Amino acid sequence: MQTKIESTRKKYLPVATRGAIIYFIMSDLTLLNCMYNFSLEMFMNVFKTTVHSLGNSYLAPDQEDDVVLEFSFNTANRDRQLDFKVDKHVSDLVDHITMNLHKQVVCALYSKHHLVYSFLVCIQVLRNSGNITDNEWDVFLHGGTLKLMSSKTCTFPNLDGAY
C-alpha cells in the first residue's frame, strides 16, 4: 500500500514543478519593474482554487467503469485504468494551473511586459523538460561568445623584454 501511495505521489510532481517554475518567475518580475510584487498568498489562492475546481472527477469511476470494476477480478486492468485517469488529471492540472496563473499575472503587468512574462514561462518550462539545454541557453543569452572563449585558451604575451 505504501509503494502505491509513493508511486501516485510521484505522478503529481509535475504539478508541483510547474507551480514552482511559475512562482519563481513571478517573484523575478520585480527585477523588471519594482511594482510587480506578487505574494505567495495570491499564488497559493490561485493554485488551490485551480486544484479544487478540477476536483477528483478524474479519479472517481464513471458509471460504466463502476460496473466494469465491480465484476472484474483483473486488478491489473483496473490499475491501468486508474493510472490513465491519474495521468490525465495531472496533465489537466498542469495546464489549468499554468493558464490561471498566466491570466492572473498578465492582468497585473503593463502590456509591454506581457510577452516577456510569456517568454520566461515558456523558456523555463522547455529548460525544465530538457528541450533546451544549458549550453543552448548560454548561446542564446551571450551570442556564442562564451563558447568561443571556452574553446580557446587565453595566453598572456611575454612582456619581459618590453620594459
N, C-alpha and C. Protein backbone atom coordinates (compact mmCIF):
# COMPACT_ATOMS: atom_id res chain seq x y z
N MET A 1 0.83 -1.20 0.00
CA MET A 1 0.00 0.00 0.00
C MET A 1 0.88 1.26 0.00
N GLN A 2 1.94 1.22 0.79
CA GLN A 2 2.84 2.38 0.88
C GLN A 2 3.51 2.66 -0.47
N THR A 3 3.88 1.62 -1.20
CA THR A 3 4.52 1.83 -2.50
C THR A 3 3.54 2.41 -3.51
N LYS A 4 2.27 2.01 -3.41
CA LYS A 4 1.26 2.56 -4.31
C LYS A 4 1.04 4.05 -4.03
N ILE A 5 1.01 4.42 -2.76
CA ILE A 5 0.88 5.84 -2.39
C ILE A 5 2.09 6.62 -2.89
N GLU A 6 3.26 6.05 -2.71
CA GLU A 6 4.50 6.72 -3.16
C GLU A 6 4.52 6.89 -4.68
N SER A 7 4.10 5.87 -5.41
CA SER A 7 4.10 5.99 -6.88
C SER A 7 3.07 7.01 -7.35
N THR A 8 1.92 7.08 -6.69
CA THR A 8 0.91 8.08 -7.04
C THR A 8 1.41 9.48 -6.71
N ARG A 9 2.08 9.62 -5.58
CA ARG A 9 2.64 10.92 -5.18
C ARG A 9 3.65 11.40 -6.22
N LYS A 10 4.47 10.50 -6.72
CA LYS A 10 5.48 10.87 -7.71
C LYS A 10 4.85 11.31 -9.02
N LYS A 11 3.66 10.80 -9.31
CA LYS A 11 2.98 11.20 -10.55
C LYS A 11 2.52 12.65 -10.50
N TYR A 12 2.35 13.19 -9.30
CA TYR A 12 1.90 14.58 -9.14
C TYR A 12 3.06 15.57 -9.05
N LEU A 13 4.29 15.11 -9.15
CA LEU A 13 5.44 16.02 -9.11
C LEU A 13 5.43 17.05 -10.24
N PRO A 14 4.98 16.73 -11.46
CA PRO A 14 4.93 17.77 -12.50
C PRO A 14 4.06 18.96 -12.12
N VAL A 15 3.02 18.74 -11.34
CA VAL A 15 2.16 19.85 -10.91
C VAL A 15 2.95 20.78 -9.99
N ALA A 16 3.67 20.19 -9.03
CA ALA A 16 4.48 21.00 -8.11
C ALA A 16 5.61 21.70 -8.85
N THR A 17 6.21 21.00 -9.80
CA THR A 17 7.31 21.60 -10.57
C THR A 17 6.83 22.80 -11.38
N ARG A 18 5.70 22.66 -12.06
CA ARG A 18 5.18 23.77 -12.85
C ARG A 18 4.82 24.95 -11.94
N GLY A 19 4.25 24.66 -10.79
CA GLY A 19 3.92 25.72 -9.85
C GLY A 19 5.17 26.45 -9.37
N ALA A 20 6.23 25.70 -9.08
CA ALA A 20 7.48 26.32 -8.64
C ALA A 20 8.09 27.18 -9.74
N ILE A 21 8.08 26.68 -10.96
CA ILE A 21 8.63 27.45 -12.09
C ILE A 21 7.91 28.79 -12.20
N ILE A 22 6.59 28.75 -12.19
CA ILE A 22 5.82 29.98 -12.38
C ILE A 22 5.97 30.90 -11.17
N TYR A 23 6.02 30.34 -9.97
CA TYR A 23 6.16 31.20 -8.80
C TYR A 23 7.49 31.96 -8.83
N PHE A 24 8.57 31.29 -9.16
CA PHE A 24 9.87 31.97 -9.17
C PHE A 24 9.98 32.97 -10.31
N ILE A 25 9.31 32.72 -11.41
CA ILE A 25 9.26 33.73 -12.47
C ILE A 25 8.48 34.94 -11.98
N MET A 26 7.37 34.70 -11.30
CA MET A 26 6.58 35.81 -10.75
C MET A 26 7.41 36.63 -9.77
N SER A 27 8.19 35.97 -8.94
CA SER A 27 8.99 36.71 -7.97
C SER A 27 10.13 37.46 -8.65
N ASP A 28 10.62 36.94 -9.77
CA ASP A 28 11.69 37.63 -10.50
C ASP A 28 11.18 38.82 -11.32
N LEU A 29 9.89 38.95 -11.48
CA LEU A 29 9.35 40.08 -12.24
C LEU A 29 9.63 41.41 -11.57
N THR A 30 9.97 41.40 -10.28
CA THR A 30 10.33 42.65 -9.61
C THR A 30 11.61 43.23 -10.20
N LEU A 31 12.43 42.40 -10.82
CA LEU A 31 13.63 42.90 -11.49
C LEU A 31 13.26 43.71 -12.74
N LEU A 32 12.12 43.39 -13.32
CA LEU A 32 11.64 44.09 -14.50
C LEU A 32 11.01 45.43 -14.12
N ASN A 33 10.24 45.43 -13.05
CA ASN A 33 9.61 46.64 -12.54
C ASN A 33 9.32 46.42 -11.06
N CYS A 34 9.71 47.37 -10.25
CA CYS A 34 9.57 47.19 -8.80
C CYS A 34 8.11 47.09 -8.36
N MET A 35 7.17 47.47 -9.22
CA MET A 35 5.75 47.39 -8.86
C MET A 35 5.20 45.97 -8.98
N TYR A 36 5.94 45.08 -9.62
CA TYR A 36 5.46 43.71 -9.81
C TYR A 36 5.81 42.85 -8.60
N ASN A 37 5.10 43.05 -7.52
CA ASN A 37 5.27 42.24 -6.32
C ASN A 37 4.06 41.33 -6.17
N PHE A 38 4.29 40.05 -6.35
CA PHE A 38 3.22 39.07 -6.20
C PHE A 38 3.48 38.29 -4.92
N SER A 39 2.44 38.14 -4.13
CA SER A 39 2.61 37.47 -2.85
C SER A 39 2.44 35.97 -3.01
N LEU A 40 3.03 35.26 -2.06
CA LEU A 40 2.86 33.81 -2.01
C LEU A 40 1.41 33.47 -1.73
N GLU A 41 0.74 34.30 -0.95
CA GLU A 41 -0.67 34.08 -0.64
C GLU A 41 -1.53 34.13 -1.90
N MET A 42 -1.29 35.10 -2.78
CA MET A 42 -2.02 35.19 -4.03
C MET A 42 -1.76 33.97 -4.89
N PHE A 43 -0.50 33.58 -4.97
CA PHE A 43 -0.14 32.40 -5.75
C PHE A 43 -0.86 31.16 -5.21
N MET A 44 -0.82 30.98 -3.89
CA MET A 44 -1.45 29.81 -3.29
C MET A 44 -2.97 29.82 -3.48
N ASN A 45 -3.58 31.00 -3.45
CA ASN A 45 -5.02 31.08 -3.67
C ASN A 45 -5.39 30.62 -5.08
N VAL A 46 -4.65 31.09 -6.07
CA VAL A 46 -4.92 30.67 -7.45
C VAL A 46 -4.64 29.18 -7.61
N PHE A 47 -3.55 28.71 -7.04
CA PHE A 47 -3.16 27.30 -7.13
C PHE A 47 -4.24 26.41 -6.50
N LYS A 48 -4.65 26.74 -5.28
CA LYS A 48 -5.65 25.93 -4.58
C LYS A 48 -7.01 25.99 -5.28
N THR A 49 -7.38 27.17 -5.75
CA THR A 49 -8.66 27.31 -6.45
C THR A 49 -8.68 26.44 -7.71
N THR A 50 -7.57 26.42 -8.41
CA THR A 50 -7.49 25.59 -9.62
C THR A 50 -7.58 24.11 -9.29
N VAL A 51 -6.86 23.69 -8.26
CA VAL A 51 -6.90 22.28 -7.86
C VAL A 51 -8.30 21.89 -7.43
N HIS A 52 -8.95 22.74 -6.64
CA HIS A 52 -10.30 22.42 -6.16
C HIS A 52 -11.32 22.47 -7.29
N SER A 53 -11.12 23.35 -8.27
CA SER A 53 -12.08 23.44 -9.37
C SER A 53 -12.06 22.19 -10.24
N LEU A 54 -10.88 21.60 -10.40
CA LEU A 54 -10.82 20.35 -11.17
C LEU A 54 -11.32 19.18 -10.36
N GLY A 55 -11.08 19.23 -9.06
CA GLY A 55 -11.58 18.19 -8.17
C GLY A 55 -10.97 16.83 -8.46
N ASN A 56 -11.62 15.82 -7.97
CA ASN A 56 -11.17 14.45 -8.17
C ASN A 56 -12.04 13.72 -9.18
N SER A 57 -12.65 14.45 -10.10
CA SER A 57 -13.55 13.82 -11.06
C SER A 57 -12.84 12.79 -11.93
N TYR A 58 -11.53 12.98 -12.13
CA TYR A 58 -10.79 12.02 -12.94
C TYR A 58 -10.55 10.72 -12.19
N LEU A 59 -10.53 10.82 -10.87
CA LEU A 59 -10.22 9.65 -10.07
C LEU A 59 -11.44 8.84 -9.72
N ALA A 60 -12.62 9.46 -9.74
CA ALA A 60 -13.86 8.73 -9.44
C ALA A 60 -14.28 7.98 -10.69
N PRO A 61 -14.62 6.73 -10.56
CA PRO A 61 -15.01 5.97 -11.74
C PRO A 61 -16.33 6.47 -12.31
N ASP A 62 -16.44 6.39 -13.63
CA ASP A 62 -17.70 6.72 -14.29
C ASP A 62 -18.69 5.60 -14.01
N GLN A 63 -19.93 5.82 -14.41
CA GLN A 63 -20.93 4.79 -14.15
C GLN A 63 -20.60 3.49 -14.86
N GLU A 64 -20.19 3.57 -16.11
CA GLU A 64 -19.89 2.33 -16.82
C GLU A 64 -18.60 1.71 -16.31
N ASP A 65 -17.64 2.51 -15.89
CA ASP A 65 -16.42 1.97 -15.29
C ASP A 65 -16.74 1.28 -13.97
N ASP A 66 -17.73 1.81 -13.25
CA ASP A 66 -18.12 1.24 -11.97
C ASP A 66 -18.59 -0.20 -12.15
N VAL A 67 -19.36 -0.44 -13.19
CA VAL A 67 -19.85 -1.78 -13.47
C VAL A 67 -18.67 -2.70 -13.82
N VAL A 68 -17.74 -2.19 -14.63
CA VAL A 68 -16.58 -2.99 -15.01
C VAL A 68 -15.75 -3.32 -13.78
N LEU A 69 -15.55 -2.34 -12.91
CA LEU A 69 -14.72 -2.58 -11.73
C LEU A 69 -15.41 -3.51 -10.74
N GLU A 70 -16.75 -3.47 -10.69
CA GLU A 70 -17.47 -4.31 -9.75
C GLU A 70 -17.33 -5.79 -10.08
N PHE A 71 -17.42 -6.11 -11.36
CA PHE A 71 -17.45 -7.50 -11.77
C PHE A 71 -16.10 -7.99 -12.29
N SER A 72 -15.10 -7.12 -12.31
CA SER A 72 -13.80 -7.50 -12.84
C SER A 72 -12.89 -7.94 -11.71
N PHE A 73 -12.31 -9.11 -11.89
CA PHE A 73 -11.33 -9.58 -10.92
C PHE A 73 -9.91 -9.31 -11.40
N ASN A 74 -9.80 -8.70 -12.58
CA ASN A 74 -8.50 -8.39 -13.16
C ASN A 74 -8.02 -7.06 -12.58
N THR A 75 -7.21 -7.10 -11.54
CA THR A 75 -6.75 -5.86 -10.88
C THR A 75 -5.76 -5.11 -11.75
N ALA A 76 -5.03 -5.80 -12.62
CA ALA A 76 -4.08 -5.11 -13.49
C ALA A 76 -4.81 -4.18 -14.43
N ASN A 77 -5.94 -4.64 -14.99
CA ASN A 77 -6.74 -3.80 -15.89
C ASN A 77 -7.30 -2.60 -15.14
N ARG A 78 -7.81 -2.82 -13.92
CA ARG A 78 -8.35 -1.73 -13.11
C ARG A 78 -7.27 -0.71 -12.78
N ASP A 79 -6.07 -1.18 -12.39
CA ASP A 79 -4.97 -0.28 -12.06
C ASP A 79 -4.53 0.52 -13.28
N ARG A 80 -4.56 -0.11 -14.46
CA ARG A 80 -4.17 0.59 -15.69
C ARG A 80 -5.18 1.70 -15.99
N GLN A 81 -6.47 1.44 -15.77
CA GLN A 81 -7.49 2.46 -15.98
C GLN A 81 -7.31 3.62 -15.01
N LEU A 82 -7.03 3.31 -13.75
CA LEU A 82 -6.83 4.37 -12.76
C LEU A 82 -5.56 5.14 -13.04
N ASP A 83 -4.50 4.46 -13.50
CA ASP A 83 -3.27 5.16 -13.86
C ASP A 83 -3.51 6.14 -14.98
N PHE A 84 -4.31 5.74 -15.97
CA PHE A 84 -4.63 6.64 -17.08
C PHE A 84 -5.37 7.87 -16.55
N LYS A 85 -6.30 7.66 -15.62
CA LYS A 85 -7.05 8.78 -15.07
C LYS A 85 -6.15 9.71 -14.26
N VAL A 86 -5.20 9.15 -13.52
CA VAL A 86 -4.27 9.99 -12.76
C VAL A 86 -3.40 10.79 -13.71
N ASP A 87 -2.90 10.15 -14.78
CA ASP A 87 -2.07 10.86 -15.75
C ASP A 87 -2.85 11.99 -16.43
N LYS A 88 -4.09 11.73 -16.77
CA LYS A 88 -4.93 12.76 -17.39
C LYS A 88 -5.20 13.89 -16.39
N HIS A 89 -5.43 13.55 -15.15
CA HIS A 89 -5.68 14.54 -14.10
C HIS A 89 -4.45 15.42 -13.91
N VAL A 90 -3.28 14.82 -13.86
CA VAL A 90 -2.04 15.58 -13.70
C VAL A 90 -1.82 16.50 -14.89
N SER A 91 -2.02 16.00 -16.08
CA SER A 91 -1.86 16.82 -17.28
C SER A 91 -2.82 18.01 -17.28
N ASP A 92 -4.07 17.76 -16.92
CA ASP A 92 -5.04 18.86 -16.87
C ASP A 92 -4.72 19.85 -15.75
N LEU A 93 -4.24 19.35 -14.61
CA LEU A 93 -3.85 20.25 -13.52
C LEU A 93 -2.73 21.18 -13.96
N VAL A 94 -1.72 20.63 -14.61
CA VAL A 94 -0.58 21.44 -15.08
C VAL A 94 -1.07 22.51 -16.05
N ASP A 95 -1.91 22.11 -17.00
CA ASP A 95 -2.42 23.07 -17.99
C ASP A 95 -3.28 24.16 -17.35
N HIS A 96 -4.18 23.78 -16.47
CA HIS A 96 -5.07 24.76 -15.85
C HIS A 96 -4.33 25.68 -14.87
N ILE A 97 -3.38 25.14 -14.14
CA ILE A 97 -2.59 25.99 -13.23
C ILE A 97 -1.79 27.01 -14.03
N THR A 98 -1.18 26.56 -15.11
CA THR A 98 -0.41 27.48 -15.96
C THR A 98 -1.32 28.56 -16.53
N MET A 99 -2.48 28.17 -17.04
CA MET A 99 -3.40 29.12 -17.65
C MET A 99 -3.95 30.11 -16.62
N ASN A 100 -4.38 29.63 -15.46
CA ASN A 100 -4.97 30.51 -14.46
C ASN A 100 -3.94 31.48 -13.87
N LEU A 101 -2.74 30.99 -13.62
CA LEU A 101 -1.70 31.90 -13.12
C LEU A 101 -1.31 32.91 -14.18
N HIS A 102 -1.27 32.47 -15.44
CA HIS A 102 -0.95 33.40 -16.52
C HIS A 102 -1.98 34.51 -16.60
N LYS A 103 -3.27 34.15 -16.53
CA LYS A 103 -4.33 35.17 -16.56
C LYS A 103 -4.19 36.15 -15.40
N GLN A 104 -3.89 35.63 -14.23
CA GLN A 104 -3.79 36.47 -13.04
C GLN A 104 -2.59 37.43 -13.13
N VAL A 105 -1.45 36.91 -13.57
CA VAL A 105 -0.24 37.73 -13.62
C VAL A 105 -0.33 38.76 -14.73
N VAL A 106 -0.81 38.36 -15.89
CA VAL A 106 -0.88 39.28 -17.03
C VAL A 106 -1.79 40.46 -16.74
N CYS A 107 -2.82 40.24 -15.92
CA CYS A 107 -3.69 41.36 -15.55
C CYS A 107 -2.94 42.43 -14.77
N ALA A 108 -1.88 42.04 -14.08
CA ALA A 108 -1.14 42.99 -13.25
C ALA A 108 0.05 43.62 -13.98
N LEU A 109 0.38 43.12 -15.16
CA LEU A 109 1.56 43.62 -15.88
C LEU A 109 1.18 44.73 -16.85
N TYR A 110 2.15 45.60 -17.10
CA TYR A 110 1.99 46.54 -18.21
C TYR A 110 1.98 45.74 -19.50
N SER A 111 1.28 46.25 -20.50
CA SER A 111 1.14 45.49 -21.75
C SER A 111 2.48 45.21 -22.42
N LYS A 112 3.46 46.08 -22.23
CA LYS A 112 4.76 45.86 -22.86
C LYS A 112 5.52 44.70 -22.21
N HIS A 113 5.09 44.24 -21.05
CA HIS A 113 5.77 43.14 -20.37
C HIS A 113 5.04 41.80 -20.49
N HIS A 114 3.89 41.78 -21.16
CA HIS A 114 3.15 40.52 -21.33
C HIS A 114 3.99 39.48 -22.05
N LEU A 115 4.61 39.90 -23.14
CA LEU A 115 5.40 38.97 -23.94
C LEU A 115 6.64 38.49 -23.18
N VAL A 116 7.22 39.36 -22.39
CA VAL A 116 8.39 38.98 -21.59
C VAL A 116 8.02 37.88 -20.61
N TYR A 117 6.91 38.05 -19.92
CA TYR A 117 6.46 37.04 -18.96
C TYR A 117 6.17 35.71 -19.67
N SER A 118 5.47 35.77 -20.78
CA SER A 118 5.14 34.55 -21.53
C SER A 118 6.40 33.85 -22.01
N PHE A 119 7.36 34.64 -22.48
CA PHE A 119 8.63 34.07 -22.94
C PHE A 119 9.37 33.40 -21.79
N LEU A 120 9.41 34.04 -20.63
CA LEU A 120 10.11 33.45 -19.48
C LEU A 120 9.47 32.14 -19.04
N VAL A 121 8.16 32.10 -19.02
CA VAL A 121 7.47 30.86 -18.64
C VAL A 121 7.78 29.77 -19.66
N CYS A 122 7.68 30.11 -20.93
CA CYS A 122 7.93 29.15 -22.00
C CYS A 122 9.36 28.60 -21.92
N ILE A 123 10.32 29.47 -21.77
CA ILE A 123 11.72 29.05 -21.73
C ILE A 123 11.99 28.18 -20.52
N GLN A 124 11.47 28.57 -19.36
CA GLN A 124 11.73 27.77 -18.16
C GLN A 124 11.07 26.40 -18.24
N VAL A 125 9.89 26.32 -18.82
CA VAL A 125 9.24 25.02 -19.00
C VAL A 125 10.05 24.15 -19.95
N LEU A 126 10.52 24.74 -21.05
CA LEU A 126 11.34 23.98 -22.00
C LEU A 126 12.68 23.57 -21.40
N ARG A 127 13.29 24.44 -20.62
CA ARG A 127 14.55 24.08 -19.96
C ARG A 127 14.34 22.97 -18.94
N ASN A 128 13.25 23.03 -18.20
CA ASN A 128 12.97 22.01 -17.21
C ASN A 128 12.71 20.65 -17.86
N SER A 129 12.05 20.65 -19.01
CA SER A 129 11.76 19.39 -19.70
C SER A 129 12.96 18.85 -20.45
N GLY A 130 14.01 19.64 -20.58
CA GLY A 130 15.22 19.18 -21.27
C GLY A 130 15.22 19.49 -22.75
N ASN A 131 14.21 20.19 -23.26
CA ASN A 131 14.17 20.54 -24.67
C ASN A 131 15.17 21.64 -25.03
N ILE A 132 15.57 22.43 -24.05
CA ILE A 132 16.61 23.44 -24.24
C ILE A 132 17.68 23.17 -23.20
N THR A 133 18.88 22.92 -23.67
CA THR A 133 19.98 22.61 -22.75
C THR A 133 20.58 23.90 -22.20
N ASP A 134 21.41 23.75 -21.18
CA ASP A 134 22.08 24.92 -20.60
C ASP A 134 23.02 25.57 -21.62
N ASN A 135 23.69 24.75 -22.44
CA ASN A 135 24.58 25.31 -23.46
C ASN A 135 23.81 26.13 -24.49
N GLU A 136 22.65 25.63 -24.91
CA GLU A 136 21.82 26.38 -25.86
C GLU A 136 21.33 27.68 -25.24
N TRP A 137 20.97 27.64 -23.98
CA TRP A 137 20.52 28.84 -23.28
C TRP A 137 21.65 29.85 -23.18
N ASP A 138 22.85 29.39 -22.87
CA ASP A 138 24.01 30.30 -22.81
C ASP A 138 24.30 30.93 -24.16
N VAL A 139 24.19 30.15 -25.22
CA VAL A 139 24.41 30.70 -26.56
C VAL A 139 23.36 31.75 -26.87
N PHE A 140 22.12 31.48 -26.50
CA PHE A 140 21.06 32.47 -26.73
C PHE A 140 21.34 33.76 -25.96
N LEU A 141 21.75 33.62 -24.68
CA LEU A 141 21.97 34.80 -23.85
C LEU A 141 23.20 35.60 -24.27
N HIS A 142 24.24 34.91 -24.63
CA HIS A 142 25.52 35.59 -24.85
C HIS A 142 25.97 35.58 -26.30
N GLY A 143 25.20 35.04 -27.21
CA GLY A 143 25.53 35.09 -28.62
C GLY A 143 26.71 34.23 -29.02
N GLY A 144 27.04 33.22 -28.27
CA GLY A 144 28.12 32.34 -28.63
C GLY A 144 29.50 32.79 -28.19
N THR A 145 29.62 33.95 -27.57
CA THR A 145 30.94 34.42 -27.18
C THR A 145 31.54 33.56 -26.08
N LEU A 146 30.72 33.05 -25.17
CA LEU A 146 31.24 32.17 -24.12
C LEU A 146 31.78 30.87 -24.70
N LYS A 147 31.09 30.35 -25.70
CA LYS A 147 31.54 29.10 -26.32
C LYS A 147 32.88 29.32 -27.01
N LEU A 148 33.04 30.45 -27.69
CA LEU A 148 34.31 30.74 -28.34
C LEU A 148 35.42 30.93 -27.32
N MET A 149 35.09 31.62 -26.23
CA MET A 149 36.10 31.86 -25.20
C MET A 149 36.51 30.57 -24.51
N SER A 150 35.57 29.67 -24.28
CA SER A 150 35.90 28.43 -23.58
C SER A 150 36.68 27.47 -24.47
N SER A 151 36.54 27.60 -25.80
CA SER A 151 37.26 26.69 -26.69
C SER A 151 38.71 27.11 -26.90
N LYS A 152 39.02 28.35 -26.65
CA LYS A 152 40.40 28.84 -26.82
C LYS A 152 40.99 29.12 -25.44
N THR A 153 42.25 28.81 -25.31
CA THR A 153 42.92 29.14 -24.07
C THR A 153 43.57 30.51 -24.22
N CYS A 154 43.37 31.32 -23.24
CA CYS A 154 43.93 32.66 -23.27
C CYS A 154 45.36 32.59 -22.72
N THR A 155 46.30 33.00 -23.52
CA THR A 155 47.69 33.04 -23.06
C THR A 155 48.12 34.49 -23.03
N PHE A 156 48.86 34.82 -22.01
CA PHE A 156 49.34 36.18 -21.90
C PHE A 156 50.67 36.31 -22.63
N PRO A 157 50.87 37.40 -23.34
CA PRO A 157 52.14 37.57 -24.07
C PRO A 157 53.30 37.77 -23.09
N ASN A 158 54.46 37.37 -23.53
CA ASN A 158 55.66 37.54 -22.73
C ASN A 158 56.13 38.98 -22.86
N LEU A 159 56.05 39.75 -21.80
CA LEU A 159 56.41 41.16 -21.82
C LEU A 159 57.72 41.43 -21.08
N ASP A 160 58.51 40.40 -20.82
CA ASP A 160 59.76 40.60 -20.06
C ASP A 160 60.71 41.54 -20.76
N GLY A 161 60.85 41.44 -22.07
CA GLY A 161 61.81 42.28 -22.80
C GLY A 161 61.23 43.61 -23.22
N ALA A 162 59.99 43.88 -22.97
CA ALA A 162 59.36 45.11 -23.42
C ALA A 162 59.72 46.31 -22.56
N TYR A 163 60.16 46.10 -21.33
CA TYR A 163 60.43 47.24 -20.46
C TYR A 163 61.88 47.49 -20.31
